[in-house]
Amino acid sequence: MALGIVQDQCQRNGNRGTVVVEGNSPNEVMSKEAREMALSHAATLGISRPGLGTGGGPYPVNAQGEAGDPVQTANAGGCKYRYDWPVQGGL
C-alpha cells in the first residue's frame, strides 16, 4: 500500500479530531503529501477549515495494523508506519 488514510482509526470530537495516515516509512507519513491528505480527510469528517497540530511521532505497525513493541515490529517483515495527525477546525 502506498500512502493512505486508515479510515476506521480516524476520529472526530466536535471541532477536533485525529486523522491516521499509513505509509512505507516514517518520512512518508510525515511528508507534505501526508499533511495535505490529512487536511483533506479532516474536512470530509466535517471539521471546518482544519489545521494540523503535532503529536507523538510515526510508529510501526505489523501486517494486521497492530502496534506492538516498536523495535520488534520495525524489525519484522511487512512493517508499515503510521502517524496520528491531530486536527482542529478554525475559529
Protein backbone atom coordinates (compact mmCIF):
# COMPACT_ATOMS: atom_id res chain seq x y z
CA MET A 1 0.00 0.00 0.00
CA ALA A 2 1.21 3.47 -0.78
CA LEU A 3 0.41 6.44 1.39
CA GLY A 4 -3.20 6.36 2.59
CA ILE A 5 -5.74 7.12 5.31
CA VAL A 6 -6.68 4.44 7.86
CA GLN A 7 -10.40 5.27 7.82
CA ASP A 8 -11.50 3.16 10.79
CA GLN A 9 -8.87 4.76 13.05
CA CYS A 10 -9.83 8.39 12.33
CA GLN A 11 -11.93 10.22 14.90
CA ARG A 12 -13.83 13.46 15.26
CA ASN A 13 -14.80 15.08 18.53
CA GLY A 14 -16.55 18.38 17.94
CA ASN A 15 -14.22 20.68 16.02
CA ARG A 16 -11.17 18.49 16.68
CA GLY A 17 -10.08 15.10 15.52
CA THR A 18 -7.34 12.68 14.60
CA VAL A 19 -6.51 11.50 11.09
CA VAL A 20 -4.33 8.40 10.84
CA VAL A 21 -2.02 8.20 7.82
CA GLU A 22 -0.20 4.99 6.86
CA GLY A 23 2.79 4.58 4.56
CA ASN A 24 6.00 2.71 3.92
CA SER A 25 8.36 4.86 6.00
CA PRO A 26 8.39 7.42 8.81
CA ASN A 27 9.36 10.12 6.32
CA GLU A 28 6.42 9.25 4.07
CA VAL A 29 3.80 9.61 6.82
CA MET A 30 5.30 13.00 7.82
CA SER A 31 5.61 14.30 4.24
CA LYS A 32 3.86 17.27 2.66
CA GLU A 33 1.64 14.84 0.75
CA ALA A 34 0.62 13.15 4.03
CA ARG A 35 -0.20 16.53 5.62
CA GLU A 36 -2.35 17.52 2.66
CA MET A 37 -4.09 14.15 2.73
CA ALA A 38 -4.80 14.54 6.46
CA LEU A 39 -6.25 18.03 5.98
CA SER A 40 -8.45 16.88 3.12
CA HIS A 41 -9.75 13.92 5.11
CA ALA A 42 -10.40 16.11 8.17
CA ALA A 43 -12.67 18.25 6.00
CA THR A 44 -14.63 15.15 4.95
CA LEU A 45 -15.10 14.37 8.67
CA GLY A 46 -16.89 17.71 8.97
CA ILE A 47 -14.08 19.71 10.58
CA SER A 48 -14.39 23.26 9.26
CA ARG A 49 -11.17 24.90 7.99
CA PRO A 50 -8.93 22.22 9.54
CA GLY A 51 -5.38 22.87 10.65
CA LEU A 52 -2.78 20.36 11.80
CA GLY A 53 -1.16 20.05 15.18
CA THR A 54 1.77 17.93 16.24
CA GLY A 55 1.60 14.75 18.22
CA GLY A 56 3.95 11.95 19.13
CA GLY A 57 5.77 10.52 16.18
CA PRO A 58 5.49 7.90 13.48
CA TYR A 59 5.11 4.35 14.77
CA PRO A 60 5.44 0.94 13.11
CA VAL A 61 2.51 -1.46 12.70
CA ASN A 62 2.52 -5.09 11.63
CA ALA A 63 0.70 -6.56 8.64
CA GLN A 64 -2.54 -6.65 10.68
CA GLY A 65 -2.23 -2.95 11.57
CA GLU A 66 -1.33 -3.62 15.20
CA ALA A 67 1.25 -1.53 17.01
CA GLY A 68 3.22 -3.66 19.42
CA ASP A 69 6.77 -3.30 20.63
CA PRO A 70 8.23 -0.68 18.24
CA VAL A 71 11.63 -2.38 17.83
CA GLN A 72 10.19 -5.85 17.23
CA THR A 73 7.52 -4.50 14.88
CA ALA A 74 10.01 -2.42 12.87
CA ASN A 75 12.33 -5.43 12.50
CA ALA A 76 9.54 -7.75 11.37
CA GLY A 77 8.80 -8.19 7.67
CA GLY A 78 5.84 -6.35 6.17
CA CYS A 79 6.03 -3.42 8.59
CA LYS A 80 4.21 -0.17 7.73
CA TYR A 81 4.31 3.16 9.54
CA ARG A 82 1.50 5.36 10.84
CA TYR A 83 1.20 8.86 12.16
CA ASP A 84 -1.83 10.17 14.04
CA TRP A 85 -2.31 13.74 12.81
CA PRO A 86 -4.18 15.89 15.34
CA VAL A 87 -6.53 18.31 13.56
CA GLN A 88 -8.54 21.25 14.76
CA GLY A 89 -11.05 23.44 12.99
CA GLY A 90 -10.57 27.17 12.53
CA LEU A 91 -12.24 29.68 14.77
